[in-house]
């Protein structure tokens, strides 16, 4: 038994030695070294990190008033400026309202009808297109061939939404979704409605502050009723990232955007009411999951206030108002192919407030919208930022297009126009 055990043990040891030699031989003959896989580099942060944009547009204030030390809009001019970026050299692109809103989503310049706010909701009669993509002609509602930012977003698989305060409060004037006058009729939303027994809140919605209503590519679409709604829906949509659109355009009513002062509701209006609106809604937006993750909120003004405003009463209920604008511009802005030379004097139409109807005449010394300033908030912006770069509404459109990797529409594609850059987005990480 002892001999057998020794032979068995020797056989095992011998096999182990041979096996070890074979392994050692194989190891020494294979000189190839397998390296660890190279990790994929994380893309450098850029403006494309922004995936949810909010534009909230106020009305008719110049920079020197809104952001003065004595400004009544302390939440905007102090609190929000401290949280984000102040853009002092931000300019409107025209006067009065509508041409600015149209510029922000299409890059189209003003024409004699949009520059007087389309008192009649009429078709745009197009006779051609120039080399800058500007539709030649005049009128209000652009044909479906004139594209907008929503058209671009949809084509790219992205989403958009317009939130319009008070829209549909008086269903006899406009629908609660995609609300606009019947084509060819007078726009009854040019003046605010006070409260009545049947409409307790009144209706201070203004079609001219809702740019989506001036493009057939939008109002003829089945999506218009889903995508252009009253403001109240915003709070619910902000509850999750999946229900928050990539691009959101927010328009307060004629009181809360600062347009009217005083308001038909008895509110102060002007910057006081605009500031109160911001104090309510900005925290709701900035606390939302989408904004917290990758949002950008732009608070701008459509145009500056008038250089002078003279009113004369012709009776207890009627009067004349003469309004003069300087029309300063920036950024190499062109006047567009549809405007006559400046200065110009044009009748705007009638505006009724507090039981008095004014016949308004506008004098434009030039074609720009004057200096308004703007404020931007984002996780990608350091609080207290101030930029000296000049921007306008075409810059706004170009910047949003760049954020979402889209082409440039109209004057957003103008040579030399600057997009929002590292002077504003200084906290990309």
Protein backbone atom coordinates (compact mmCIF):
# COMPACT_ATOMS: atom_id res chain seq x y z
CA UNK A 1 0.00 0.00 0.00
CA UNK A 2 2.83 2.34 0.82
CA UNK A 3 4.45 1.81 -2.59
CA UNK A 4 1.15 2.30 -4.38
CA UNK A 5 0.47 5.55 -2.43
CA UNK A 6 3.92 6.90 -3.25
CA UNK A 7 3.51 6.11 -6.94
CA UNK A 8 0.11 7.80 -6.99
CA UNK A 9 1.44 10.90 -5.21
CA UNK A 10 4.43 11.07 -7.52
CA UNK A 11 2.16 10.86 -10.53
CA UNK A 12 0.06 13.74 -9.26
CA UNK A 13 3.11 15.89 -8.49
CA UNK A 14 4.61 15.10 -11.85
CA UNK A 15 1.46 16.11 -13.66
CA UNK A 16 1.35 19.35 -11.69
CA UNK A 17 4.94 20.16 -12.60
CA UNK A 18 4.32 19.46 -16.28
CA UNK A 19 1.13 21.51 -16.24
CA UNK A 20 2.91 24.37 -14.51
CA UNK A 21 5.68 24.26 -17.06
CA UNK A 22 3.16 24.35 -19.87
CA UNK A 23 1.35 27.31 -18.34
CA UNK A 24 4.62 29.11 -17.73
CA UNK A 25 5.72 28.42 -21.26
CA UNK A 26 2.47 29.70 -22.72
CA UNK A 27 2.60 32.83 -20.54
CA UNK A 28 6.12 33.70 -21.53
CA UNK A 29 5.47 33.17 -25.21
CA UNK A 30 2.41 35.55 -25.28
CA UNK A 31 3.84 39.06 -25.08
CA UNK A 32 0.57 40.89 -26.02
CA UNK A 33 -0.75 43.22 -23.27
CA UNK A 34 -4.50 43.87 -23.16
CA UNK A 35 -5.12 47.52 -22.20
CA UNK A 36 -8.13 48.75 -20.24
CA UNK A 37 -10.80 50.27 -22.51
CA UNK A 38 -10.50 54.05 -22.98
CA UNK A 39 -13.47 55.79 -21.35
CA UNK A 40 -15.70 57.84 -23.64
CA UNK A 41 -15.03 61.51 -22.91
CA UNK A 42 -17.92 63.56 -21.55
CA UNK A 43 -18.89 66.24 -24.10
CA UNK A 44 -17.85 69.72 -23.09
CA UNK A 45 -20.79 71.70 -21.70
CA UNK A 46 -22.33 74.05 -24.24
CA UNK A 47 -25.55 75.93 -24.90
CA UNK A 48 -26.94 72.61 -26.14
CA UNK A 49 -27.07 71.58 -22.48
CA UNK A 50 -30.15 73.83 -22.26
CA UNK A 51 -33.25 71.82 -23.15
CA UNK A 52 -36.14 73.90 -21.78
CA UNK A 53 -36.51 77.58 -22.68
CA UNK A 54 -39.10 79.97 -21.23
CA UNK A 55 -39.68 83.44 -22.70
CA UNK A 56 -41.83 85.79 -20.62
CA UNK A 57 -42.52 89.07 -22.39
CA UNK A 58 -43.55 92.30 -20.67
CA UNK A 59 -44.59 95.57 -22.28
CA UNK A 60 -43.52 99.08 -23.12
CA UNK A 61 -40.78 100.05 -20.68
CA UNK A 62 -37.39 101.56 -21.30
CA UNK A 63 -34.24 100.33 -19.63
CA UNK A 64 -33.54 103.54 -17.74
CA UNK A 65 -36.90 103.30 -15.94
CA UNK A 66 -37.14 99.56 -15.29
CA UNK A 67 -33.63 99.13 -13.91
CA UNK A 68 -33.15 102.49 -12.21
CA UNK A 69 -32.36 102.64 -8.50
CA UNK A 70 -35.84 104.11 -8.02
CA UNK A 71 -37.60 101.46 -10.14
CA UNK A 72 -40.92 100.26 -8.73
CA UNK A 73 -40.09 96.81 -10.15
CA UNK A 74 -37.72 95.87 -7.33
CA UNK A 75 -38.22 92.12 -7.70
CA UNK A 76 -37.14 92.26 -11.35
CA UNK A 77 -34.48 94.95 -11.12
CA UNK A 78 -32.86 93.78 -7.89
CA UNK A 79 -33.83 90.26 -6.82
CA UNK A 80 -33.84 88.58 -10.23
CA UNK A 81 -30.83 90.53 -11.49
CA UNK A 82 -28.97 89.19 -8.46
CA UNK A 83 -29.99 85.65 -9.35
CA UNK A 84 -29.17 85.76 -13.06
CA UNK A 85 -27.86 87.94 -15.87
CA UNK A 86 -28.77 91.52 -16.66
CA UNK A 87 -28.64 92.42 -20.36
CA UNK A 88 -28.75 96.24 -20.41
CA UNK A 89 -28.20 96.52 -24.17
CA UNK A 90 -31.28 94.54 -25.20
CA UNK A 91 -33.42 96.28 -27.84
CA UNK A 92 -36.87 95.86 -29.31
CA UNK A 93 -36.98 95.59 -33.09
CA UNK A 94 -39.89 97.94 -33.77
CA UNK A 95 -42.93 99.80 -32.56
CA UNK A 96 -45.66 99.25 -31.52
CA UNK A 97 -46.29 95.71 -30.20
CA UNK A 98 -47.13 93.09 -32.79
CA UNK A 99 -44.10 93.49 -35.04
CA UNK A 100 -41.86 92.67 -32.05
CA UNK A 101 -43.74 89.50 -31.15
CA UNK A 102 -43.68 88.33 -34.77
CA UNK A 103 -39.92 88.97 -34.93
CA UNK A 104 -39.31 86.80 -31.86
CA UNK A 105 -40.71 83.61 -33.40
CA UNK A 106 -40.17 84.08 -37.14
CA UNK A 107 -37.44 86.62 -37.87
CA UNK A 108 -39.90 88.60 -40.01
CA UNK A 109 -39.67 92.39 -39.91
CA UNK A 110 -42.55 94.82 -39.61
CA UNK A 111 -44.90 96.12 -42.27
CA UNK A 112 -47.34 99.06 -42.14
CA UNK A 113 -50.14 96.82 -40.84
CA UNK A 114 -48.26 94.88 -38.15
CA UNK A 115 -46.57 98.13 -37.10
CA UNK A 116 -50.02 99.44 -36.21
CA UNK A 117 -51.01 96.23 -34.41
CA UNK A 118 -53.39 94.80 -37.03
CA UNK A 119 -56.58 96.56 -35.99
CA UNK A 120 -58.31 94.32 -38.53
CA UNK A 121 -57.22 90.69 -38.45
CA UNK A 122 -56.35 90.43 -42.14
CA UNK A 123 -54.36 88.18 -44.44
CA UNK A 124 -50.77 89.03 -45.37
CA UNK A 125 -50.73 89.71 -49.11
CA UNK A 126 -47.32 88.42 -50.20
CA UNK A 127 -45.76 89.52 -53.47
CA UNK A 128 -42.35 87.91 -53.05
CA UNK A 129 -39.47 87.01 -50.73
CA UNK A 130 -36.16 88.84 -50.50
CA UNK A 131 -32.66 87.41 -50.07
CA UNK A 132 -32.93 87.65 -46.26
CA UNK A 133 -36.04 85.46 -46.19
CA UNK A 134 -38.33 88.44 -45.62
CA UNK A 135 -41.86 88.13 -46.97
CA UNK A 136 -42.56 91.13 -49.20
CA UNK A 137 -46.02 92.61 -48.84
CA UNK A 138 -48.25 93.70 -46.00
CA UNK A 139 -50.93 92.35 -43.74
CA UNK A 140 -51.25 90.30 -40.57
CA UNK A 141 -51.57 86.55 -41.03
CA UNK A 142 -48.59 85.09 -42.89
CA UNK A 143 -49.12 82.25 -45.38
CA UNK A 144 -48.15 78.72 -44.37
CA UNK A 145 -44.96 78.98 -46.42
CA UNK A 146 -43.55 81.47 -43.89
CA UNK A 147 -42.14 79.27 -41.16
CA UNK A 148 -41.81 79.88 -37.44
CA UNK A 149 -39.85 78.57 -34.49
CA UNK A 150 -42.71 76.15 -33.63
CA UNK A 151 -42.48 74.75 -37.17
CA UNK A 152 -38.75 74.20 -36.71
CA UNK A 153 -39.19 72.58 -33.31
CA UNK A 154 -41.86 70.21 -34.58
CA UNK A 155 -39.67 69.16 -37.51
CA UNK A 156 -36.85 68.41 -35.06
CA UNK A 157 -39.09 66.30 -32.81
CA UNK A 158 -39.21 68.97 -30.09
CA UNK A 159 -42.19 70.55 -28.35
CA UNK A 160 -43.54 74.06 -27.79
CA UNK A 161 -46.37 75.77 -25.92
CA UNK A 162 -47.85 79.26 -25.63
CA UNK A 163 -49.50 80.36 -22.37
CA UNK A 164 -51.78 83.41 -22.69
CA UNK A 165 -53.29 84.96 -19.58
CA UNK A 166 -57.07 85.66 -19.80
CA UNK A 167 -57.47 84.07 -23.25
CA UNK A 168 -61.06 82.91 -23.58
CA UNK A 169 -62.37 84.69 -20.49
CA UNK A 170 -64.89 86.36 -22.80
CA UNK A 171 -65.80 83.57 -25.23
CA UNK A 172 -67.65 86.08 -27.40
CA UNK A 173 -64.29 87.68 -28.24
CA UNK A 174 -61.92 84.72 -28.51
CA UNK A 175 -61.65 81.01 -27.85
CA UNK A 176 -59.94 79.70 -24.72
CA UNK A 177 -57.46 77.87 -26.98
CA UNK A 178 -55.81 79.23 -30.13
CA UNK A 179 -57.81 82.41 -29.56
CA UNK A 180 -57.98 84.93 -32.40
CA UNK A 181 -60.58 87.03 -34.25
CA UNK A 182 -62.35 85.76 -37.34
CA UNK A 183 -60.18 86.55 -40.35
CA UNK A 184 -61.23 89.83 -41.94
CA UNK A 185 -62.92 91.23 -38.83
CA UNK A 186 -61.99 93.90 -36.34
CA UNK A 187 -59.78 92.71 -33.50
CA UNK A 188 -61.93 93.32 -30.43
CA UNK A 189 -59.04 92.44 -28.10
CA UNK A 190 -57.29 95.74 -28.85
CA UNK A 191 -58.92 97.15 -25.71
CA UNK A 192 -59.32 95.39 -22.34
CA UNK A 193 -62.72 94.44 -20.99
CA UNK A 194 -63.68 95.30 -17.44
CA UNK A 195 -65.60 92.82 -15.33
CA UNK A 196 -69.31 92.38 -16.02
CA UNK A 197 -72.01 90.30 -14.33
CA UNK A 198 -71.42 87.57 -16.92
CA UNK A 199 -67.59 87.88 -16.95
CA UNK A 200 -66.58 88.49 -13.37
CA UNK A 201 -62.85 88.66 -14.07
CA UNK A 202 -63.07 90.77 -17.21
CA UNK A 203 -60.87 89.90 -20.21
CA UNK A 204 -57.52 91.59 -20.74
CA UNK A 205 -56.16 89.18 -23.35
CA UNK A 206 -54.64 90.85 -26.44
CA UNK A 207 -54.27 88.86 -29.65
CA UNK A 208 -51.44 91.16 -30.73
CA UNK A 209 -49.36 89.86 -27.80
CA UNK A 210 -49.82 86.27 -28.95
CA UNK A 211 -47.46 85.86 -31.93
CA UNK A 212 -48.62 82.35 -32.82
CA UNK A 213 -51.95 83.72 -34.08
CA UNK A 214 -50.34 85.43 -37.07
CA UNK A 215 -49.13 82.38 -38.98
CA UNK A 216 -51.29 80.00 -40.98
CA UNK A 217 -48.77 77.23 -40.34
CA UNK A 218 -49.92 77.39 -36.70
CA UNK A 219 -53.57 78.49 -36.66
CA UNK A 220 -54.51 76.02 -39.41
CA UNK A 221 -52.85 73.16 -37.53
CA UNK A 222 -54.79 70.75 -35.34
CA UNK A 223 -52.06 71.29 -32.73
CA UNK A 224 -52.97 74.94 -32.16
CA UNK A 225 -55.74 74.16 -29.69
CA UNK A 226 -53.42 71.94 -27.68
CA UNK A 227 -50.38 74.19 -27.81
CA UNK A 228 -51.81 77.69 -27.29
CA UNK A 229 -53.79 77.77 -24.07
CA UNK A 230 -54.67 79.99 -21.13
CA UNK A 231 -51.91 80.66 -18.60
CA UNK A 232 -53.40 78.56 -15.80
CA UNK A 233 -52.31 75.36 -17.56
CA UNK A 234 -48.64 76.25 -17.10
CA UNK A 235 -48.53 75.35 -13.43
CA UNK A 236 -49.80 71.84 -14.11
CA UNK A 237 -47.50 71.34 -17.10
CA UNK A 238 -44.48 72.29 -14.98
CA UNK A 239 -45.02 69.41 -12.56
CA UNK A 240 -42.83 67.04 -14.54
CA UNK A 241 -40.12 67.21 -17.17
CA UNK A 242 -42.15 65.05 -19.54
CA UNK A 243 -45.06 67.53 -19.57
CA UNK A 244 -42.89 70.65 -19.91
CA UNK A 245 -42.35 71.79 -23.49
CA UNK A 246 -38.88 72.49 -24.85
CA UNK A 247 -39.96 76.04 -25.76
CA UNK A 248 -42.51 78.00 -23.75
CA UNK A 249 -43.81 81.50 -24.51
CA UNK A 250 -45.65 83.26 -21.68
CA UNK A 251 -47.78 86.38 -22.16
CA UNK A 252 -49.41 88.10 -19.16
CA UNK A 253 -52.63 90.04 -19.69
CA UNK A 254 -52.67 93.77 -20.51
CA UNK A 255 -52.44 94.68 -16.85
CA UNK A 256 -49.87 92.15 -15.66
CA UNK A 257 -47.48 92.75 -18.56
CA UNK A 258 -47.32 96.43 -17.59
CA UNK A 259 -49.06 97.69 -20.73
CA UNK A 260 -51.98 99.41 -18.99
CA UNK A 261 -51.73 101.80 -16.07
CA UNK A 262 -54.12 101.93 -14.33
CA UNK A 263 -55.94 98.74 -15.31
CA UNK A 264 -59.66 98.23 -15.90
CA UNK A 265 -59.67 95.93 -12.87
CA UNK A 266 -58.52 98.73 -10.58
CA UNK A 267 -54.97 97.40 -10.29
CA UNK A 268 -52.09 99.85 -10.55
CA UNK A 269 -50.73 98.34 -13.76
CA UNK A 270 -47.39 99.39 -15.21
CA UNK A 271 -44.21 98.08 -13.61
CA UNK A 272 -45.92 97.53 -10.25
CA UNK A 273 -48.35 94.95 -11.63
CA UNK A 274 -45.71 93.42 -13.90
CA UNK A 275 -43.41 92.98 -10.90
CA UNK A 276 -46.19 91.34 -8.88
CA UNK A 277 -46.84 88.93 -11.76
CA UNK A 278 -43.15 88.00 -11.85
CA UNK A 279 -43.05 87.55 -8.09
CA UNK A 280 -45.83 84.97 -8.40
CA UNK A 281 -44.78 83.08 -11.53
CA UNK A 282 -40.98 83.16 -11.64
CA UNK A 283 -40.58 81.00 -8.50
CA UNK A 284 -43.08 78.52 -9.94
CA UNK A 285 -41.05 78.27 -13.15
CA UNK A 286 -37.62 78.13 -11.53
CA UNK A 287 -38.72 75.49 -9.00
CA UNK A 288 -39.95 73.17 -11.77
CA UNK A 289 -38.01 69.96 -12.50
CA UNK A 290 -37.38 70.99 -16.12
CA UNK A 291 -35.91 74.37 -15.21
CA UNK A 292 -33.85 72.92 -12.38
CA UNK A 293 -32.39 70.32 -14.71
CA UNK A 294 -31.57 72.37 -17.81
CA UNK A 295 -33.77 75.46 -18.06
CA UNK A 296 -33.41 79.03 -19.27
CA UNK A 297 -35.89 81.81 -18.43
CA UNK A 298 -35.70 85.01 -20.50
CA UNK A 299 -37.66 88.02 -19.25
CA UNK A 300 -37.77 90.69 -21.93
CA UNK A 301 -39.92 93.60 -23.07
CA UNK A 302 -41.46 93.89 -26.52
CA UNK A 303 -40.43 97.54 -26.95
CA UNK A 304 -39.44 100.62 -25.02
CA UNK A 305 -41.91 103.22 -23.88
CA UNK A 306 -42.57 106.30 -25.99
CA UNK A 307 -40.28 109.30 -26.05
CA UNK A 308 -43.32 111.53 -25.59
CA UNK A 309 -47.05 111.07 -25.26
CA UNK A 310 -49.47 113.98 -25.66
CA UNK A 311 -53.19 113.68 -24.94
CA UNK A 312 -55.95 116.18 -25.69
CA UNK A 313 -59.61 115.63 -24.81
CA UNK A 314 -62.23 116.38 -27.45
CA UNK A 315 -65.18 115.49 -25.21
CA UNK A 316 -65.84 113.78 -21.90
CA UNK A 317 -65.50 110.37 -23.56
CA UNK A 318 -63.18 110.99 -26.54
CA UNK A 319 -59.71 112.33 -27.11
CA UNK A 320 -56.64 112.38 -29.32
CA UNK A 321 -53.27 110.90 -28.40
CA UNK A 322 -50.00 111.59 -30.21
CA UNK A 323 -47.16 109.19 -29.44
CA UNK A 324 -43.55 109.69 -30.57
CA UNK A 325 -40.86 106.97 -30.61
CA UNK A 326 -37.13 107.45 -31.22
CA UNK A 327 -36.80 104.02 -32.84
CA UNK A 328 -33.21 103.27 -31.81
CA UNK A 329 -31.85 99.84 -32.79
CA UNK A 330 -28.75 97.71 -32.43
CA UNK A 331 -26.90 94.81 -33.92
CA UNK A 332 -26.91 95.98 -37.53
CA UNK A 333 -30.68 95.61 -37.71
CA UNK A 334 -32.26 96.27 -41.10
CA UNK A 335 -35.65 97.98 -41.44
CA UNK A 336 -36.95 95.29 -43.78
CA UNK A 337 -38.38 95.55 -47.29
CA UNK A 338 -41.91 96.66 -46.37
CA UNK A 339 -41.45 99.98 -44.59
CA UNK A 340 -41.21 103.43 -46.13
CA UNK A 341 -38.42 105.81 -45.18
CA UNK A 342 -38.36 107.42 -41.75
CA UNK A 343 -39.58 109.43 -39.93
CA UNK A 344 -43.17 108.22 -40.36
CA UNK A 345 -46.50 109.31 -38.93
CA UNK A 346 -49.30 106.74 -39.00
CA UNK A 347 -52.79 106.46 -37.48
CA UNK A 348 -52.89 103.54 -35.04
CA UNK A 349 -56.65 103.43 -34.54
CA UNK A 350 -58.77 103.79 -31.45
CA UNK A 351 -58.01 102.60 -27.94
CA UNK A 352 -60.66 102.61 -25.22
CA UNK A 353 -59.83 102.62 -21.54
CA UNK A 354 -61.86 103.71 -18.51
CA UNK A 355 -64.72 104.78 -20.74
CA UNK A 356 -62.61 107.11 -22.89
CA UNK A 357 -61.84 106.37 -26.54
CA UNK A 358 -58.62 107.85 -27.88
CA UNK A 359 -57.74 108.22 -31.56
CA UNK A 360 -54.02 107.45 -31.60
CA UNK A 361 -51.43 108.80 -34.02
CA UNK A 362 -47.91 107.35 -33.98
CA UNK A 363 -44.72 109.11 -35.08
CA UNK A 364 -41.65 106.92 -35.62
CA UNK A 365 -38.31 108.69 -35.97
CA UNK A 366 -36.67 105.40 -36.98
CA UNK A 367 -37.52 101.70 -37.27
CA UNK A 368 -36.05 100.19 -34.07
CA UNK A 369 -37.80 99.32 -30.81
CA UNK A 370 -35.41 101.22 -28.50
CA UNK A 371 -33.52 99.97 -25.45
CA UNK A 372 -35.48 97.84 -22.98
CA UNK A 373 -33.00 95.61 -21.18
CA UNK A 374 -33.66 91.96 -20.30
CA UNK A 375 -32.98 89.49 -17.49
CA UNK A 376 -32.07 85.82 -17.87
CA UNK A 377 -32.11 83.07 -15.25
CA UNK A 378 -30.65 79.58 -15.58
CA UNK A 379 -28.61 76.97 -13.70
CA UNK A 380 -26.02 77.80 -16.38
CA UNK A 381 -25.82 81.51 -15.42
CA UNK A 382 -24.02 82.89 -12.39
CA UNK A 383 -26.04 85.32 -10.31
CA UNK A 384 -25.09 88.96 -10.68
CA UNK A 385 -23.84 88.61 -14.25
CA UNK A 386 -23.95 91.77 -16.37
CA UNK A 387 -23.09 91.73 -20.07
CA UNK A 388 -22.20 94.70 -22.25
CA UNK A 389 -23.05 92.89 -25.51
CA UNK A 390 -26.01 94.25 -27.47
CA UNK A 391 -28.86 91.93 -28.43
CA UNK A 392 -32.36 92.24 -29.90
CA UNK A 393 -35.37 90.04 -30.66
CA UNK A 394 -33.64 88.55 -33.70
CA UNK A 395 -30.72 87.63 -31.44
CA UNK A 396 -33.23 85.95 -29.12
CA UNK A 397 -34.63 83.83 -31.95
CA UNK A 398 -31.17 82.97 -33.26
CA UNK A 399 -30.04 81.93 -29.77
CA UNK A 400 -33.01 79.62 -29.24
CA UNK A 401 -32.45 78.13 -32.69
CA UNK A 402 -28.78 77.55 -31.81
CA UNK A 403 -29.69 75.95 -28.48
CA UNK A 404 -31.85 73.39 -30.26
CA UNK A 405 -29.57 72.98 -33.31
CA UNK A 406 -32.04 74.54 -35.74
CA UNK A 407 -31.52 76.70 -38.80
CA UNK A 408 -32.03 80.46 -38.77
CA UNK A 409 -35.26 82.11 -39.91
CA UNK A 410 -35.46 85.54 -41.52
CA UNK A 411 -33.32 88.18 -39.85
CA UNK A 412 -32.17 85.67 -37.23
CA UNK A 413 -29.82 84.54 -39.99
CA UNK A 414 -28.42 88.00 -40.64
CA UNK A 415 -24.64 88.05 -41.10
CA UNK A 416 -22.84 89.26 -38.01
CA UNK A 417 -25.80 88.84 -35.65
CA UNK A 418 -24.64 87.57 -32.26
CA UNK A 419 -26.27 84.76 -30.28
CA UNK A 420 -26.25 84.70 -26.49
CA UNK A 421 -22.81 83.42 -25.55
CA UNK A 422 -20.36 82.90 -22.71
CA UNK A 423 -20.94 86.48 -21.60
CA UNK A 424 -24.29 85.16 -20.31
CA UNK A 425 -23.86 81.39 -20.01
CA UNK A 426 -20.90 81.48 -17.64
CA UNK A 427 -21.82 78.52 -15.45
CA UNK A 428 -21.88 75.65 -17.93
CA UNK A 429 -20.68 72.51 -16.18
